[in-house]
Amino acid sequence: MRGSTQFYSAQDESEGALTLGVGYLTIGIETMLPRRDVFGRVPFQFSGPVINDYSVDQPWTPGPIGLNDRANKLFANGGPGRKSSKSSKRSKKTKILNVVTDFPNPWKGKIKEEIEALQNNRWAPSIDDFEALVNKSYTVNHFHQLLGLIVTQPKASIMRINIFTHSNSDLIAFKGTISPKSTFASVSLEVNSALSLQMLQSMTSGTWFQVGKSKKKHTINDISKHFASGAKVFIYSCKSATDPVLLQELADKFGVITVGFKDNICYCPMFTANSIDRKRVGLGKACSGKSNVFSAIDGKGTQHKPSNP
């Protein structure tokens, strides 16, 4: 017998803990003492995003990216992507980047317990569900990693970024936890690694960052150079369009059209006694218009164009 869950209950909570990595991104401000970060602290570095598919360059297509079995390979110290003698040809193509965020599945390896949680509305989507929506993705657990991912793509090559995550009205998370409770699943969002208005406003024209061991300094003004004309950033998370100021600031900083959703992003997995099909998503409590193609809900998103395109 097949079943489905139509809605999950996510409690908006926050955690301040920040897990640091090494060797990926250094943030600084030119007008301050050398090698200080945007908050005036000593430099910190983050491990690079995980690539869930080995091939990173391919033309833009309207649907999910094609499958490649070579998964979960870490980026090299120099940043994401691969060096190739064909890079000059590839840079003329546009691409889509699918970004999934670090919300571990608390039922990992416990399929029957997860199905029971689905049946009793004590479930919430995890990184497993984000990854199921696309065939190729990058795991990013900090907003700074997203910056590194962008600037290590060829210039004018990114047509679209899809970010699958959890959020509340004024914070787009890249990392958090899911904690099953007796009557619901609590979703906690990590604050320090998230995309917020404060984070964006702290990145002024004097802010620079370096990726991996590269000595090249990138600035916030370099971000837009890696997007193709008309590029969009979609944020597939609940309440991602509730704060128009946040999405507008992101549009202005990146020089792209940003798209969020005012309604709940509803994950609608189908399940049997021993398996879960995680590929269905829709909007609203009743999984309205659920589809196994996530972009089917794009038309109901709220767009913000850059103030100075």
Protein backbone atom coordinates (compact mmCIF):
# COMPACT_ATOMS: atom_id res chain seq x y z
CA MET A 1 0.00 0.00 0.00
CA ARG A 2 1.32 3.42 -0.95
CA GLY A 3 0.94 6.55 1.09
CA SER A 4 2.12 10.13 1.17
CA THR A 5 2.67 12.96 3.57
CA GLN A 6 1.14 16.26 2.59
CA PHE A 7 2.82 18.70 4.91
CA TYR A 8 5.53 18.94 7.50
CA SER A 9 5.58 21.12 10.57
CA ALA A 10 8.81 23.08 10.96
CA GLN A 11 9.45 25.02 14.14
CA ASP A 12 11.53 28.14 13.53
CA GLU A 13 14.42 27.87 15.95
CA SER A 14 17.99 29.09 15.79
CA GLU A 15 21.39 27.85 16.84
CA GLY A 16 24.46 30.01 17.12
CA ALA A 17 27.10 27.32 16.78
CA LEU A 18 29.46 27.63 13.82
CA THR A 19 31.54 24.73 12.57
CA LEU A 20 34.76 25.93 10.97
CA GLY A 21 36.64 24.12 8.26
CA VAL A 22 40.01 24.79 6.69
CA GLY A 23 41.50 25.81 3.38
CA TYR A 24 38.57 27.21 1.43
CA LEU A 25 37.53 30.84 1.91
CA THR A 26 39.19 33.79 3.63
CA ILE A 27 37.27 37.04 4.12
CA GLY A 28 38.84 40.46 4.69
CA ILE A 29 38.47 44.21 4.31
CA GLU A 30 41.14 46.29 2.61
CA THR A 31 40.67 49.34 4.84
CA MET A 32 41.29 47.36 8.02
CA LEU A 33 44.43 45.69 9.28
CA PRO A 34 45.68 43.06 6.79
CA ARG A 35 43.85 39.74 6.77
CA ARG A 36 40.94 40.60 9.01
CA ASP A 37 37.47 39.29 8.30
CA VAL A 38 34.30 41.32 7.75
CA PHE A 39 33.63 41.39 11.48
CA GLY A 40 37.16 42.53 12.38
CA ARG A 41 38.26 39.14 13.63
CA VAL A 42 41.32 37.15 12.62
CA PRO A 43 40.86 35.35 9.29
CA PHE A 44 38.78 32.22 9.18
CA GLN A 45 38.57 29.64 6.43
CA PHE A 46 35.86 27.22 5.40
CA SER A 47 36.06 23.86 3.75
CA GLY A 48 34.75 23.86 0.21
CA PRO A 49 31.34 22.64 -0.85
CA VAL A 50 30.87 18.98 -1.66
CA ILE A 51 30.17 18.24 -5.27
CA ASN A 52 27.57 15.53 -5.69
CA ASP A 53 28.52 14.93 -9.30
CA TYR A 54 31.98 15.00 -10.83
CA SER A 55 31.11 16.86 -14.03
CA VAL A 56 30.52 20.54 -13.32
CA ASP A 57 30.33 22.15 -16.75
CA GLN A 58 27.33 21.61 -18.97
CA PRO A 59 24.87 23.69 -20.97
CA TRP A 60 21.78 25.24 -19.38
CA THR A 61 18.65 23.13 -19.66
CA PRO A 62 15.18 23.99 -18.33
CA GLY A 63 14.88 20.87 -16.18
CA PRO A 64 17.05 19.03 -13.64
CA ILE A 65 20.64 18.32 -14.66
CA GLY A 66 21.62 14.91 -15.99
CA LEU A 67 22.79 12.07 -13.79
CA ASN A 68 26.43 11.25 -13.17
CA ASP A 69 27.31 8.42 -10.80
CA ARG A 70 30.62 9.79 -9.55
CA ALA A 71 29.37 11.53 -6.44
CA ASN A 72 30.47 13.14 -3.19
CA LYS A 73 33.89 14.33 -4.32
CA LEU A 74 35.38 17.18 -2.32
CA PHE A 75 36.59 20.27 -4.08
CA ALA A 76 40.33 20.64 -4.35
CA ASN A 77 42.06 23.31 -2.30
CA GLY A 78 41.99 25.68 -5.23
CA GLY A 79 38.18 25.72 -5.22
CA PRO A 80 35.38 24.00 -7.09
CA GLY A 81 35.56 22.69 -10.61
CA ARG A 82 38.21 21.03 -12.73
CA LYS A 83 41.05 22.49 -14.74
CA SER A 84 40.78 21.63 -18.40
CA SER A 85 42.37 22.64 -21.66
CA LYS A 86 38.81 23.07 -22.96
CA SER A 87 37.91 25.70 -20.35
CA SER A 88 37.90 28.51 -22.93
CA LYS A 89 35.27 26.69 -24.98
CA ARG A 90 33.18 25.74 -21.97
CA SER A 91 33.10 29.31 -20.70
CA LYS A 92 30.86 30.22 -23.63
CA LYS A 93 28.17 27.88 -22.34
CA THR A 94 25.71 28.71 -19.61
CA LYS A 95 24.87 26.37 -16.77
CA ILE A 96 22.63 25.71 -13.83
CA LEU A 97 23.99 25.15 -10.32
CA ASN A 98 21.88 23.15 -7.89
CA VAL A 99 22.81 23.87 -4.27
CA VAL A 100 21.64 21.64 -1.42
CA THR A 101 22.22 22.62 2.18
CA ASP A 102 23.49 20.76 5.23
CA PHE A 103 20.43 19.43 7.07
CA PRO A 104 21.30 15.79 7.89
CA ASN A 105 18.56 13.19 7.81
CA PRO A 106 17.97 12.11 11.46
CA TRP A 107 16.43 8.86 10.18
CA LYS A 108 19.37 7.98 7.94
CA GLY A 109 19.53 4.21 7.59
CA LYS A 110 16.29 3.79 9.56
CA ILE A 111 13.75 3.60 6.76
CA LYS A 112 10.93 2.15 8.86
CA GLU A 113 11.31 4.87 11.50
CA GLU A 114 11.24 7.55 8.82
CA ILE A 115 8.12 6.07 7.25
CA GLU A 116 6.47 6.04 10.68
CA ALA A 117 7.41 9.72 11.07
CA LEU A 118 5.86 10.44 7.67
CA GLN A 119 2.65 8.66 8.62
CA ASN A 120 2.35 10.61 11.87
CA ASN A 121 3.34 14.08 10.61
CA ARG A 122 6.57 14.05 12.63
CA TRP A 123 8.79 14.45 9.59
CA ALA A 124 10.69 17.27 7.87
CA PRO A 125 12.75 17.26 4.65
CA SER A 126 16.51 16.80 4.93
CA ILE A 127 19.43 16.97 2.55
CA ASP A 128 18.36 13.55 1.24
CA ASP A 129 15.12 15.10 0.01
CA PHE A 130 16.87 18.14 -1.47
CA GLU A 131 19.27 15.91 -3.40
CA ALA A 132 16.44 13.72 -4.68
CA LEU A 133 14.94 16.65 -6.59
CA VAL A 134 18.00 16.97 -8.84
CA ASN A 135 20.53 14.59 -10.28
CA LYS A 136 23.55 16.82 -9.79
CA SER A 137 24.18 19.20 -6.90
CA TYR A 138 26.68 20.94 -4.66
CA THR A 139 26.45 20.62 -0.87
CA VAL A 140 27.09 24.07 0.64
CA ASN A 141 26.99 24.64 4.40
CA HIS A 142 27.87 28.36 4.59
CA PHE A 143 26.95 31.45 2.60
CA HIS A 144 30.65 32.14 2.08
CA GLN A 145 30.98 28.78 0.31
CA LEU A 146 28.30 29.91 -2.11
CA LEU A 147 30.43 32.95 -2.96
CA GLY A 148 33.41 30.70 -3.61
CA LEU A 149 31.34 28.41 -5.79
CA ILE A 150 30.17 31.36 -7.90
CA VAL A 151 33.54 33.05 -8.51
CA THR A 152 35.22 29.78 -9.50
CA GLN A 153 32.82 29.34 -12.41
CA PRO A 154 33.72 30.86 -15.78
CA LYS A 155 32.59 34.43 -16.29
CA ALA A 156 29.09 34.94 -17.72
CA SER A 157 28.45 31.19 -17.38
CA ILE A 158 25.81 30.87 -14.65
CA MET A 159 22.24 31.12 -15.93
CA ARG A 160 20.51 29.92 -12.80
CA ILE A 161 21.19 28.83 -9.22
CA ASN A 162 18.64 26.69 -7.38
CA ILE A 163 19.04 26.66 -3.59
CA PHE A 164 17.14 23.96 -1.66
CA THR A 165 17.02 24.65 2.05
CA HIS A 166 15.06 25.72 5.14
CA SER A 167 14.47 29.34 6.11
CA ASN A 168 12.38 31.74 8.10
CA SER A 169 11.18 35.21 7.15
CA ASP A 170 14.55 36.96 7.44
CA LEU A 171 17.17 34.21 7.22
CA ILE A 172 18.06 31.67 4.54
CA ALA A 173 19.89 28.79 6.20
CA PHE A 174 22.74 26.72 4.79
CA LYS A 175 23.08 24.47 7.80
CA GLY A 176 20.92 23.17 10.63
CA THR A 177 19.40 20.18 12.37
CA ILE A 178 16.16 18.23 12.30
CA SER A 179 15.02 16.85 15.64
CA PRO A 180 12.04 14.46 15.75
CA LYS A 181 9.66 15.23 18.62
CA SER A 182 6.61 13.37 19.89
CA THR A 183 4.15 15.29 17.70
CA PHE A 184 6.30 17.17 15.15
CA ALA A 185 9.81 17.56 13.76
CA SER A 186 11.76 20.59 14.95
CA VAL A 187 13.94 22.30 12.34
CA SER A 188 16.74 24.44 13.78
CA LEU A 189 18.58 26.94 11.59
CA GLU A 190 22.22 27.86 12.17
CA VAL A 191 22.50 31.66 12.22
CA ASN A 192 26.21 32.39 11.66
CA SER A 193 26.45 30.49 8.38
CA ALA A 194 23.15 31.78 6.96
CA LEU A 195 22.25 34.34 4.34
CA SER A 196 20.76 37.34 6.12
CA LEU A 197 20.36 41.05 5.51
CA GLN A 198 23.11 41.73 8.05
CA MET A 199 25.46 39.37 6.24
CA LEU A 200 24.81 41.03 2.87
CA GLN A 201 25.07 44.57 4.18
CA SER A 202 28.40 43.78 5.83
CA MET A 203 29.83 43.02 2.39
CA THR A 204 30.74 46.47 1.13
CA SER A 205 32.85 47.39 -1.89
CA GLY A 206 35.97 47.14 0.29
CA THR A 207 35.29 43.54 1.29
CA TRP A 208 37.50 40.96 -0.38
CA PHE A 209 37.75 37.20 -0.20
CA GLN A 210 40.14 34.50 -1.38
CA VAL A 211 39.23 30.97 -2.43
CA GLY A 212 41.37 28.08 -1.27
CA LYS A 213 45.10 28.67 -1.62
CA SER A 214 44.67 31.17 -4.41
CA LYS A 215 46.14 34.60 -3.66
CA LYS A 216 43.65 36.32 -5.93
CA LYS A 217 41.35 38.67 -4.07
CA HIS A 218 37.74 38.77 -5.19
CA THR A 219 35.31 41.51 -4.19
CA ILE A 220 31.54 41.58 -4.00
CA ASN A 221 31.61 43.45 -7.32
CA ASP A 222 33.11 40.38 -8.98
CA ILE A 223 30.09 38.21 -8.21
CA SER A 224 27.87 39.53 -11.00
CA LYS A 225 30.57 38.93 -13.62
CA HIS A 226 30.05 35.17 -13.35
CA PHE A 227 26.33 35.31 -14.15
CA ALA A 228 24.94 35.33 -17.66
CA SER A 229 22.53 38.04 -18.77
CA GLY A 230 19.08 37.49 -17.27
CA ALA A 231 20.36 35.01 -14.66
CA LYS A 232 18.16 34.05 -11.71
CA VAL A 233 18.70 32.71 -8.20
CA PHE A 234 15.77 30.60 -6.94
CA ILE A 235 15.45 29.95 -3.21
CA TYR A 236 13.27 26.88 -2.71
CA SER A 237 12.36 27.21 0.97
CA CYS A 238 9.37 28.20 3.07
CA LYS A 239 8.92 31.93 3.64
CA SER A 240 11.87 32.81 1.40
CA ALA A 241 9.88 35.69 -0.14
CA THR A 242 8.41 36.99 3.12
CA ASP A 243 11.10 39.65 3.53
CA PRO A 244 11.30 41.61 0.25
CA VAL A 245 14.23 43.66 1.55
CA LEU A 246 16.42 40.55 1.88
CA LEU A 247 15.68 39.30 -1.64
CA GLN A 248 16.15 42.79 -3.09
CA GLU A 249 19.52 43.17 -1.34
CA LEU A 250 20.60 39.80 -2.71
CA ALA A 251 19.47 40.82 -6.21
CA ASP A 252 21.46 44.05 -5.96
CA LYS A 253 24.62 42.40 -4.56
CA PHE A 254 24.65 39.57 -7.12
CA GLY A 255 23.24 41.55 -10.06
CA VAL A 256 20.63 38.88 -10.77
CA ILE A 257 16.90 38.29 -10.49
CA THR A 258 16.09 36.60 -7.19
CA VAL A 259 13.01 34.41 -6.71
CA GLY A 260 11.48 33.30 -3.42
CA PHE A 261 8.16 31.85 -2.26
CA LYS A 262 5.65 33.27 0.20
CA ASP A 263 3.81 29.96 0.58
CA ASN A 264 5.22 26.82 2.16
CA ILE A 265 7.43 24.63 -0.01
CA CYS A 266 5.77 21.28 0.53
CA TYR A 267 7.69 18.03 0.18
CA CYS A 268 5.32 15.22 -0.71
CA PRO A 269 7.18 11.88 -0.59
CA MET A 270 5.39 8.70 -1.55
CA PHE A 271 6.23 5.60 0.43
CA THR A 272 5.67 1.87 0.64
CA ALA A 273 6.48 -0.43 3.56
CA ASN A 274 10.18 -0.42 2.68
CA SER A 275 10.92 2.55 0.41
CA ILE A 276 10.44 6.30 0.01
CA ASP A 277 10.13 8.19 -3.27
CA ARG A 278 11.36 11.70 -2.41
CA LYS A 279 10.98 13.42 -5.77
CA ARG A 280 7.63 15.23 -5.34
CA VAL A 281 7.31 18.85 -4.29
CA GLY A 282 4.52 21.41 -4.32
CA LEU A 283 3.18 24.49 -2.56
CA GLY A 284 0.85 24.79 0.40
CA LYS A 285 -0.39 22.41 3.06
CA ALA A 286 -2.16 20.13 0.60
CA CYS A 287 0.80 19.73 -1.75
CA SER A 288 -1.03 21.79 -4.35
CA GLY A 289 0.23 21.07 -7.84
CA LYS A 290 2.79 18.55 -6.60
CA SER A 291 5.23 17.45 -9.26
CA ASN A 292 8.42 15.47 -9.60
CA VAL A 293 9.87 18.47 -11.48
CA PHE A 294 10.63 21.12 -8.86
CA SER A 295 10.61 23.98 -11.39
CA ALA A 296 6.87 23.39 -11.94
CA ILE A 297 6.22 25.78 -9.04
CA ASP A 298 8.42 28.57 -10.43
CA GLY A 299 5.49 30.58 -11.74
CA LYS A 300 4.21 31.12 -8.20
CA GLY A 301 7.45 32.64 -6.96
CA THR A 302 8.05 36.33 -6.21
CA GLN A 303 10.76 38.00 -8.29
CA HIS A 304 13.10 40.87 -7.42
CA LYS A 305 15.18 42.51 -10.12
CA PRO A 306 18.46 44.30 -9.41
CA SER A 307 18.03 48.04 -8.88
CA ASN A 308 20.91 48.82 -11.28
CA PRO A 309 21.00 46.03 -13.87
